[in-house]
Amino acid sequence: MKTYELAYIISPEITSEEATAKAQEIESAIQSREGTIVKQQNPVARTLSYQIEKRASGYFGVIEFQLEPEKLLEVKDIVAKDKKIVRHMLVIKEAAEFKKARRTRETPKVKVEAEELSVFSTTPLTDETKVEVETPKVEEEEAEDSPTKKEAKEKVELKDIEHELDEILGE
């Protein structure tokens, strides 16, 4: 079953109760074809941004439902043939879990002790030195597996850093 969303505008010539009854008719048409209603918003009177069929207002409603694709045409025909429904739009809803998470541009500041700094630091290090370092914000799942977090877990002694520097500089 796929998930669909049906947005519709009902003519303002009918009353609010009749608009609610029209929404119930659409729901029953979906359910009679073995569909399930996921979300439903009762029709609400709204002023339209532009006129549709010389009408400046209408009752706007939305139904999110699941239905087999073969039976969708029957529901679409029922909505299209109804003269009280001025405009409608039917879209396929994508599952939220398939969308990729994006990285944010915000970078939180993290305090790092002198022992955890890399070998190539340009600031003189003392045992009491604390430096603020900006790290990119990453989703929690990625952060657990990222190499930067594993490197941060490994502590390096200040003496080891000095020894490595001596070896590199050849002193």
N, C-alpha and C. Protein backbone atom coordinates (compact mmCIF):
# COMPACT_ATOMS: atom_id res chain seq x y z
N MET A 1 0.84 -1.19 0.00
CA MET A 1 0.00 0.00 0.00
C MET A 1 0.88 1.24 0.00
N LYS A 2 0.49 2.21 -0.78
CA LYS A 2 1.19 3.49 -0.80
C LYS A 2 0.40 4.50 0.00
N THR A 3 1.11 5.53 0.46
CA THR A 3 0.46 6.60 1.21
C THR A 3 0.22 7.78 0.27
N TYR A 4 -0.99 8.29 0.29
CA TYR A 4 -1.38 9.41 -0.57
C TYR A 4 -1.93 10.54 0.29
N GLU A 5 -1.91 11.75 -0.30
CA GLU A 5 -2.52 12.90 0.36
C GLU A 5 -3.43 13.58 -0.65
N LEU A 6 -4.68 13.77 -0.24
CA LEU A 6 -5.67 14.41 -1.09
C LEU A 6 -6.04 15.74 -0.46
N ALA A 7 -5.75 16.83 -1.16
CA ALA A 7 -6.15 18.17 -0.72
C ALA A 7 -7.28 18.61 -1.65
N TYR A 8 -8.32 19.20 -1.10
CA TYR A 8 -9.47 19.57 -1.91
C TYR A 8 -10.09 20.87 -1.41
N ILE A 9 -10.77 21.56 -2.32
CA ILE A 9 -11.51 22.79 -1.98
C ILE A 9 -12.96 22.56 -2.39
N ILE A 10 -13.84 22.71 -1.41
CA ILE A 10 -15.28 22.53 -1.65
C ILE A 10 -15.90 23.91 -1.87
N SER A 11 -16.88 23.97 -2.72
CA SER A 11 -17.56 25.22 -3.06
C SER A 11 -18.10 25.93 -1.81
N PRO A 12 -18.00 27.26 -1.77
CA PRO A 12 -18.51 28.00 -0.60
C PRO A 12 -20.04 28.13 -0.59
N GLU A 13 -20.70 27.62 -1.62
CA GLU A 13 -22.16 27.74 -1.70
C GLU A 13 -22.88 26.80 -0.74
N ILE A 14 -22.18 25.86 -0.15
CA ILE A 14 -22.81 24.94 0.79
C ILE A 14 -22.45 25.36 2.21
N THR A 15 -23.14 24.78 3.19
CA THR A 15 -22.89 25.12 4.59
C THR A 15 -21.70 24.31 5.13
N SER A 16 -21.29 24.66 6.31
CA SER A 16 -20.16 23.98 6.97
C SER A 16 -20.49 22.52 7.25
N GLU A 17 -21.76 22.26 7.64
CA GLU A 17 -22.17 20.88 7.92
C GLU A 17 -22.16 20.03 6.65
N GLU A 18 -22.58 20.63 5.53
CA GLU A 18 -22.57 19.90 4.27
C GLU A 18 -21.14 19.63 3.80
N ALA A 19 -20.23 20.57 4.08
CA ALA A 19 -18.81 20.37 3.72
C ALA A 19 -18.22 19.22 4.54
N THR A 20 -18.59 19.13 5.80
CA THR A 20 -18.13 18.03 6.65
C THR A 20 -18.71 16.70 6.14
N ALA A 21 -19.95 16.72 5.72
CA ALA A 21 -20.58 15.51 5.17
C ALA A 21 -19.89 15.09 3.88
N LYS A 22 -19.49 16.06 3.06
CA LYS A 22 -18.77 15.75 1.81
C LYS A 22 -17.42 15.10 2.12
N ALA A 23 -16.75 15.58 3.18
CA ALA A 23 -15.47 14.98 3.61
C ALA A 23 -15.71 13.54 4.08
N GLN A 24 -16.81 13.30 4.78
CA GLN A 24 -17.16 11.95 5.22
C GLN A 24 -17.41 11.02 4.03
N GLU A 25 -18.02 11.57 2.97
CA GLU A 25 -18.25 10.77 1.76
C GLU A 25 -16.93 10.33 1.14
N ILE A 26 -15.96 11.23 1.08
CA ILE A 26 -14.65 10.91 0.50
C ILE A 26 -13.97 9.84 1.37
N GLU A 27 -14.04 10.00 2.69
CA GLU A 27 -13.46 9.01 3.60
C GLU A 27 -14.10 7.64 3.42
N SER A 28 -15.41 7.61 3.33
CA SER A 28 -16.10 6.32 3.17
C SER A 28 -15.77 5.68 1.82
N ALA A 29 -15.55 6.50 0.78
CA ALA A 29 -15.16 5.97 -0.53
C ALA A 29 -13.78 5.31 -0.43
N ILE A 30 -12.88 5.92 0.32
CA ILE A 30 -11.54 5.35 0.50
C ILE A 30 -11.62 4.06 1.31
N GLN A 31 -12.38 4.09 2.40
CA GLN A 31 -12.47 2.92 3.27
C GLN A 31 -13.22 1.77 2.61
N SER A 32 -14.18 2.06 1.73
CA SER A 32 -14.91 1.00 1.04
C SER A 32 -14.03 0.26 0.03
N ARG A 33 -12.93 0.89 -0.36
CA ARG A 33 -11.97 0.26 -1.27
C ARG A 33 -10.76 -0.29 -0.51
N GLU A 34 -10.97 -0.64 0.76
CA GLU A 34 -9.98 -1.24 1.64
C GLU A 34 -8.80 -0.32 1.93
N GLY A 35 -9.04 0.97 1.95
CA GLY A 35 -8.01 1.94 2.30
C GLY A 35 -8.09 2.30 3.76
N THR A 36 -7.01 2.85 4.29
CA THR A 36 -7.01 3.28 5.70
C THR A 36 -6.68 4.76 5.76
N ILE A 37 -7.37 5.46 6.63
CA ILE A 37 -7.16 6.90 6.82
C ILE A 37 -6.03 7.07 7.83
N VAL A 38 -4.98 7.78 7.45
CA VAL A 38 -3.85 8.04 8.34
C VAL A 38 -4.09 9.33 9.12
N LYS A 39 -4.40 10.41 8.39
CA LYS A 39 -4.69 11.71 9.00
C LYS A 39 -5.84 12.33 8.23
N GLN A 40 -6.63 13.12 8.95
CA GLN A 40 -7.76 13.78 8.30
C GLN A 40 -7.98 15.14 8.93
N GLN A 41 -8.11 16.15 8.09
CA GLN A 41 -8.39 17.51 8.56
C GLN A 41 -9.76 17.91 8.01
N ASN A 42 -10.69 18.19 8.90
CA ASN A 42 -12.03 18.57 8.46
C ASN A 42 -11.97 19.85 7.64
N PRO A 43 -12.87 20.01 6.67
CA PRO A 43 -12.86 21.22 5.83
C PRO A 43 -13.08 22.48 6.65
N VAL A 44 -12.23 23.48 6.36
CA VAL A 44 -12.27 24.76 7.07
C VAL A 44 -12.48 25.86 6.03
N ALA A 45 -13.34 26.82 6.34
CA ALA A 45 -13.60 27.93 5.43
C ALA A 45 -12.35 28.80 5.31
N ARG A 46 -11.91 29.05 4.08
CA ARG A 46 -10.70 29.84 3.83
C ARG A 46 -10.96 30.80 2.67
N THR A 47 -10.28 31.93 2.71
CA THR A 47 -10.26 32.85 1.59
C THR A 47 -9.16 32.40 0.65
N LEU A 48 -9.45 32.29 -0.62
CA LEU A 48 -8.49 31.80 -1.59
C LEU A 48 -7.55 32.93 -2.03
N SER A 49 -6.34 32.59 -2.41
CA SER A 49 -5.37 33.57 -2.88
C SER A 49 -5.80 34.15 -4.22
N TYR A 50 -6.42 33.36 -5.05
CA TYR A 50 -6.95 33.82 -6.32
C TYR A 50 -8.27 33.11 -6.56
N GLN A 51 -9.09 33.68 -7.42
CA GLN A 51 -10.41 33.10 -7.65
C GLN A 51 -10.32 31.82 -8.45
N ILE A 52 -11.16 30.85 -8.06
CA ILE A 52 -11.30 29.60 -8.79
C ILE A 52 -12.76 29.50 -9.20
N GLU A 53 -13.00 29.46 -10.49
CA GLU A 53 -14.36 29.42 -11.03
C GLU A 53 -15.22 30.55 -10.46
N LYS A 54 -14.66 31.74 -10.42
CA LYS A 54 -15.31 32.97 -9.94
C LYS A 54 -15.71 32.88 -8.46
N ARG A 55 -14.97 32.11 -7.68
CA ARG A 55 -15.23 32.01 -6.24
C ARG A 55 -13.98 32.45 -5.50
N ALA A 56 -14.14 33.31 -4.50
CA ALA A 56 -13.00 33.85 -3.76
C ALA A 56 -12.76 33.11 -2.45
N SER A 57 -13.65 32.18 -2.08
CA SER A 57 -13.47 31.42 -0.84
C SER A 57 -13.93 29.99 -1.07
N GLY A 58 -13.68 29.16 -0.06
CA GLY A 58 -14.08 27.76 -0.15
C GLY A 58 -13.71 27.02 1.12
N TYR A 59 -14.12 25.79 1.19
CA TYR A 59 -13.80 24.94 2.34
C TYR A 59 -12.61 24.07 1.96
N PHE A 60 -11.51 24.23 2.67
CA PHE A 60 -10.27 23.52 2.37
C PHE A 60 -10.12 22.34 3.31
N GLY A 61 -9.89 21.14 2.76
CA GLY A 61 -9.71 19.95 3.57
C GLY A 61 -8.57 19.09 3.05
N VAL A 62 -8.01 18.27 3.93
CA VAL A 62 -6.89 17.39 3.57
C VAL A 62 -7.13 16.01 4.20
N ILE A 63 -6.87 14.97 3.41
CA ILE A 63 -6.96 13.60 3.91
C ILE A 63 -5.67 12.88 3.49
N GLU A 64 -5.02 12.25 4.45
CA GLU A 64 -3.85 11.41 4.17
C GLU A 64 -4.30 9.97 4.38
N PHE A 65 -4.08 9.13 3.37
CA PHE A 65 -4.59 7.76 3.45
C PHE A 65 -3.65 6.79 2.75
N GLN A 66 -3.86 5.51 3.03
CA GLN A 66 -3.12 4.43 2.38
C GLN A 66 -4.10 3.62 1.56
N LEU A 67 -3.68 3.30 0.33
CA LEU A 67 -4.57 2.59 -0.59
C LEU A 67 -3.73 1.90 -1.65
N GLU A 68 -4.27 0.81 -2.17
CA GLU A 68 -3.59 0.11 -3.27
C GLU A 68 -3.66 1.00 -4.52
N PRO A 69 -2.56 1.06 -5.30
CA PRO A 69 -2.54 1.93 -6.48
C PRO A 69 -3.62 1.61 -7.51
N GLU A 70 -4.04 0.35 -7.62
CA GLU A 70 -5.07 -0.03 -8.59
C GLU A 70 -6.42 0.59 -8.25
N LYS A 71 -6.68 0.79 -6.97
CA LYS A 71 -7.98 1.30 -6.52
C LYS A 71 -8.00 2.82 -6.41
N LEU A 72 -6.85 3.44 -6.63
CA LEU A 72 -6.74 4.89 -6.50
C LEU A 72 -7.55 5.61 -7.58
N LEU A 73 -7.59 5.07 -8.79
CA LEU A 73 -8.32 5.71 -9.88
C LEU A 73 -9.80 5.83 -9.59
N GLU A 74 -10.35 4.84 -8.89
CA GLU A 74 -11.77 4.88 -8.54
C GLU A 74 -12.06 6.05 -7.60
N VAL A 75 -11.20 6.24 -6.61
CA VAL A 75 -11.37 7.35 -5.66
C VAL A 75 -11.19 8.68 -6.37
N LYS A 76 -10.19 8.74 -7.25
CA LYS A 76 -9.92 9.98 -7.99
C LYS A 76 -11.11 10.35 -8.87
N ASP A 77 -11.74 9.36 -9.50
CA ASP A 77 -12.92 9.62 -10.34
C ASP A 77 -14.08 10.16 -9.51
N ILE A 78 -14.28 9.61 -8.33
CA ILE A 78 -15.37 10.07 -7.46
C ILE A 78 -15.18 11.54 -7.11
N VAL A 79 -13.94 11.91 -6.77
CA VAL A 79 -13.65 13.30 -6.39
C VAL A 79 -13.77 14.22 -7.61
N ALA A 80 -13.28 13.77 -8.76
CA ALA A 80 -13.29 14.61 -9.97
C ALA A 80 -14.72 14.84 -10.49
N LYS A 81 -15.59 13.86 -10.34
CA LYS A 81 -16.95 13.98 -10.86
C LYS A 81 -17.88 14.78 -9.94
N ASP A 82 -17.49 14.98 -8.71
CA ASP A 82 -18.32 15.72 -7.76
C ASP A 82 -18.30 17.21 -8.10
N LYS A 83 -19.45 17.78 -8.39
CA LYS A 83 -19.54 19.19 -8.81
C LYS A 83 -19.31 20.17 -7.66
N LYS A 84 -19.47 19.72 -6.42
CA LYS A 84 -19.26 20.61 -5.27
C LYS A 84 -17.77 20.79 -4.94
N ILE A 85 -16.93 19.87 -5.42
CA ILE A 85 -15.49 20.01 -5.20
C ILE A 85 -14.93 20.82 -6.36
N VAL A 86 -14.48 22.03 -6.03
CA VAL A 86 -14.02 22.97 -7.04
C VAL A 86 -12.63 22.59 -7.56
N ARG A 87 -11.74 22.23 -6.68
CA ARG A 87 -10.36 21.89 -7.05
C ARG A 87 -9.85 20.81 -6.13
N HIS A 88 -9.02 19.91 -6.64
CA HIS A 88 -8.42 18.87 -5.81
C HIS A 88 -7.02 18.55 -6.32
N MET A 89 -6.19 18.02 -5.44
CA MET A 89 -4.84 17.61 -5.80
C MET A 89 -4.50 16.36 -5.02
N LEU A 90 -4.02 15.35 -5.73
CA LEU A 90 -3.66 14.07 -5.12
C LEU A 90 -2.17 13.85 -5.33
N VAL A 91 -1.44 13.64 -4.23
CA VAL A 91 0.00 13.42 -4.32
C VAL A 91 0.39 12.15 -3.56
N ILE A 92 1.51 11.56 -3.98
CA ILE A 92 2.05 10.39 -3.29
C ILE A 92 2.98 10.90 -2.20
N LYS A 93 2.79 10.42 -0.99
CA LYS A 93 3.64 10.82 0.13
C LYS A 93 4.82 9.88 0.19
N GLU A 94 6.03 10.45 0.32
CA GLU A 94 7.23 9.63 0.47
C GLU A 94 7.42 9.29 1.93
N ALA A 95 7.98 8.12 2.18
CA ALA A 95 8.25 7.71 3.54
C ALA A 95 9.37 8.58 4.12
N ALA A 96 9.24 8.96 5.37
CA ALA A 96 10.21 9.86 6.00
C ALA A 96 11.56 9.21 6.19
N GLU A 97 11.62 7.90 6.38
CA GLU A 97 12.89 7.25 6.67
C GLU A 97 13.81 7.17 5.45
N PHE A 98 13.29 7.40 4.24
CA PHE A 98 14.12 7.33 3.05
C PHE A 98 14.83 8.65 2.77
N LYS A 99 14.43 9.72 3.41
CA LYS A 99 15.07 11.00 3.19
C LYS A 99 16.40 11.05 3.93
N LYS A 100 17.41 11.62 3.27
CA LYS A 100 18.72 11.71 3.89
C LYS A 100 18.75 12.89 4.85
N ALA A 101 19.42 12.69 5.97
CA ALA A 101 19.57 13.78 6.93
C ALA A 101 20.68 14.69 6.45
N ARG A 102 20.47 15.99 6.59
CA ARG A 102 21.48 16.96 6.17
C ARG A 102 22.26 17.45 7.37
N ARG A 103 23.49 17.81 7.11
CA ARG A 103 24.30 18.39 8.17
C ARG A 103 23.92 19.85 8.35
N THR A 104 23.99 20.32 9.56
CA THR A 104 23.69 21.71 9.81
C THR A 104 24.97 22.52 9.76
N ARG A 105 24.85 23.83 9.60
CA ARG A 105 26.02 24.68 9.50
C ARG A 105 26.53 25.11 10.87
N GLU A 106 25.75 24.89 11.89
CA GLU A 106 26.18 25.27 13.23
C GLU A 106 27.31 24.36 13.69
N THR A 107 28.29 24.95 14.36
CA THR A 107 29.40 24.16 14.88
C THR A 107 29.52 24.41 16.37
N PRO A 108 29.28 23.40 17.18
CA PRO A 108 29.38 23.59 18.62
C PRO A 108 30.85 23.67 19.04
N LYS A 109 31.12 24.44 20.09
CA LYS A 109 32.47 24.55 20.60
C LYS A 109 32.68 23.50 21.67
N VAL A 110 33.83 22.84 21.60
CA VAL A 110 34.16 21.77 22.52
C VAL A 110 35.46 22.12 23.22
N LYS A 111 35.51 21.94 24.53
CA LYS A 111 36.75 22.19 25.26
C LYS A 111 37.61 20.94 25.23
N VAL A 112 38.86 21.13 24.87
CA VAL A 112 39.78 20.02 24.75
C VAL A 112 40.98 20.30 25.64
N GLU A 113 41.40 19.32 26.37
CA GLU A 113 42.57 19.47 27.24
C GLU A 113 43.83 19.38 26.40
N ALA A 114 44.95 19.88 26.94
CA ALA A 114 46.22 19.91 26.23
C ALA A 114 46.66 18.52 25.82
N GLU A 115 46.35 17.53 26.60
CA GLU A 115 46.77 16.17 26.30
C GLU A 115 46.08 15.61 25.06
N GLU A 116 44.92 16.15 24.70
CA GLU A 116 44.16 15.61 23.60
C GLU A 116 44.44 16.31 22.27
N LEU A 117 45.31 17.35 22.26
CA LEU A 117 45.62 18.07 21.04
C LEU A 117 46.52 17.26 20.14
N SER A 118 46.48 17.55 18.86
CA SER A 118 47.28 16.79 17.91
C SER A 118 48.74 17.21 17.98
N VAL A 119 49.60 16.45 17.32
CA VAL A 119 51.04 16.68 17.32
C VAL A 119 51.38 17.99 16.63
N PHE A 120 50.59 18.44 15.70
CA PHE A 120 50.91 19.60 14.89
C PHE A 120 50.35 20.90 15.44
N SER A 121 50.08 21.00 16.70
CA SER A 121 49.57 22.21 17.32
C SER A 121 50.65 23.28 17.32
N THR A 122 50.27 24.55 17.04
CA THR A 122 51.24 25.65 16.98
C THR A 122 51.32 26.42 18.29
N THR A 123 50.40 26.18 19.22
CA THR A 123 50.42 26.90 20.49
C THR A 123 51.29 26.14 21.48
N PRO A 124 52.04 26.90 22.32
CA PRO A 124 52.84 26.21 23.33
C PRO A 124 51.91 25.52 24.32
N LEU A 125 52.26 24.31 24.68
CA LEU A 125 51.39 23.50 25.54
C LEU A 125 51.95 23.44 26.95
N THR A 126 51.05 23.55 27.90
CA THR A 126 51.38 23.31 29.30
C THR A 126 50.38 22.30 29.81
N ASP A 127 50.63 21.83 31.02
CA ASP A 127 49.70 20.84 31.56
C ASP A 127 48.32 21.42 31.83
N GLU A 128 48.22 22.74 32.00
CA GLU A 128 46.95 23.37 32.34
C GLU A 128 46.28 24.03 31.15
N THR A 129 46.83 23.93 29.96
CA THR A 129 46.29 24.58 28.78
C THR A 129 44.97 23.93 28.38
N LYS A 130 43.99 24.79 28.11
CA LYS A 130 42.70 24.33 27.60
C LYS A 130 42.38 25.18 26.37
N VAL A 131 41.96 24.56 25.33
CA VAL A 131 41.71 25.25 24.08
C VAL A 131 40.29 24.92 23.62
N GLU A 132 39.60 25.92 23.03
CA GLU A 132 38.28 25.67 22.46
C GLU A 132 38.46 25.37 20.99
N VAL A 133 37.90 24.25 20.56
CA VAL A 133 38.02 23.81 19.19
C VAL A 133 36.63 23.65 18.62
N GLU A 134 36.41 24.12 17.38
CA GLU A 134 35.11 23.96 16.74
C GLU A 134 35.10 22.63 16.00
N THR A 135 34.03 21.87 16.22
CA THR A 135 33.88 20.60 15.52
C THR A 135 32.57 20.64 14.76
N PRO A 136 32.51 20.06 13.58
CA PRO A 136 31.26 20.07 12.82
C PRO A 136 30.19 19.23 13.51
N LYS A 137 28.95 19.74 13.46
CA LYS A 137 27.83 19.02 14.05
C LYS A 137 27.43 17.90 13.11
N VAL A 138 27.36 16.68 13.61
CA VAL A 138 27.06 15.51 12.80
C VAL A 138 25.91 14.78 13.46
N GLU A 139 25.11 14.09 12.63
CA GLU A 139 24.01 13.30 13.18
C GLU A 139 24.56 12.29 14.18
N GLU A 140 23.76 11.90 15.16
CA GLU A 140 24.21 11.01 16.22
C GLU A 140 24.70 9.67 15.70
N GLU A 141 24.03 9.11 14.68
CA GLU A 141 24.44 7.81 14.16
C GLU A 141 25.83 7.90 13.54
N GLU A 142 26.10 8.99 12.80
CA GLU A 142 27.39 9.15 12.16
C GLU A 142 28.46 9.43 13.20
N ALA A 143 28.13 10.18 14.25
CA ALA A 143 29.11 10.59 15.24
C ALA A 143 29.69 9.39 15.98
N GLU A 144 28.90 8.36 16.19
CA GLU A 144 29.39 7.20 16.93
C GLU A 144 30.46 6.46 16.14
N ASP A 145 30.34 6.44 14.82
CA ASP A 145 31.26 5.68 14.00
C ASP A 145 32.38 6.53 13.41
N SER A 146 32.35 7.83 13.58
CA SER A 146 33.32 8.68 12.92
C SER A 146 34.71 8.52 13.54
N PRO A 147 35.76 8.65 12.72
CA PRO A 147 37.13 8.48 13.22
C PRO A 147 37.55 9.60 14.17
N THR A 148 36.96 10.81 14.03
CA THR A 148 37.35 11.90 14.93
C THR A 148 36.95 11.61 16.36
N LYS A 149 35.82 10.96 16.55
CA LYS A 149 35.38 10.64 17.91
C LYS A 149 36.27 9.55 18.51
N LYS A 150 36.67 8.59 17.67
CA LYS A 150 37.56 7.54 18.16
C LYS A 150 38.91 8.11 18.53
N GLU A 151 39.41 9.08 17.72
CA GLU A 151 40.69 9.71 18.01
C GLU A 151 40.60 10.51 19.31
N ALA A 152 39.44 11.15 19.53
CA ALA A 152 39.28 11.95 20.74
C ALA A 152 39.28 11.07 21.98
N LYS A 153 38.84 9.83 21.84
CA LYS A 153 38.80 8.92 22.98
C LYS A 153 40.21 8.49 23.40
N GLU A 154 41.13 8.40 22.42
CA GLU A 154 42.49 8.00 22.75
C GLU A 154 43.22 9.20 23.34
N LYS A 155 43.71 9.07 24.55
CA LYS A 155 44.41 10.17 25.22
C LYS A 155 45.90 10.06 24.91
N VAL A 156 46.49 11.21 24.68
CA VAL A 156 47.91 11.29 24.38
C VAL A 156 48.58 12.09 25.49
N GLU A 157 49.65 11.58 26.01
CA GLU A 157 50.39 12.25 27.07
C GLU A 157 51.17 13.42 26.47
N LEU A 158 51.35 14.48 27.25
CA LEU A 158 52.11 15.65 26.83
C LEU A 158 53.57 15.26 26.56
N LYS A 159 54.10 14.34 27.35
CA LYS A 159 55.48 13.88 27.15
C LYS A 159 55.62 13.18 25.80
N ASP A 160 54.62 12.39 25.43
CA ASP A 160 54.66 11.70 24.14
C ASP A 160 54.66 12.70 22.99
N ILE A 161 53.88 13.75 23.12
CA ILE A 161 53.82 14.78 22.08
C ILE A 161 55.19 15.44 21.93
N GLU A 162 55.79 15.81 23.06
CA GLU A 162 57.11 16.44 23.01
C GLU A 162 58.14 15.49 22.40
N HIS A 163 58.09 14.21 22.75
CA HIS A 163 59.01 13.22 22.21
C HIS A 163 58.85 13.11 20.69
N GLU A 164 57.59 13.08 20.21
CA GLU A 164 57.32 13.00 18.78
C GLU A 164 57.83 14.24 18.06
N LEU A 165 57.65 15.40 18.66
CA LEU A 165 58.13 16.64 18.06
C LEU A 165 59.64 16.63 17.94
N ASP A 166 60.32 16.17 18.96
CA ASP A 166 61.78 16.08 18.94
C ASP A 166 62.24 15.17 17.82
N GLU A 167 61.55 14.03 17.63
CA GLU A 167 61.93 13.10 16.59
C GLU A 167 61.72 13.71 15.20
N ILE A 168 60.60 14.42 15.04
CA ILE A 168 60.28 15.02 13.75
C ILE A 168 61.27 16.12 13.41
N LEU A 169 61.58 16.96 14.39
CA LEU A 169 62.50 18.07 14.16
C LEU A 169 63.96 17.62 14.14
N GLY A 170 64.24 16.41 14.55
CA GLY A 170 65.57 15.86 14.50
C GLY A 170 66.49 16.42 15.57
N GLU A 171 65.97 16.77 16.69
CA GLU A 171 66.80 17.32 17.77
C GLU A 171 67.22 16.27 18.75
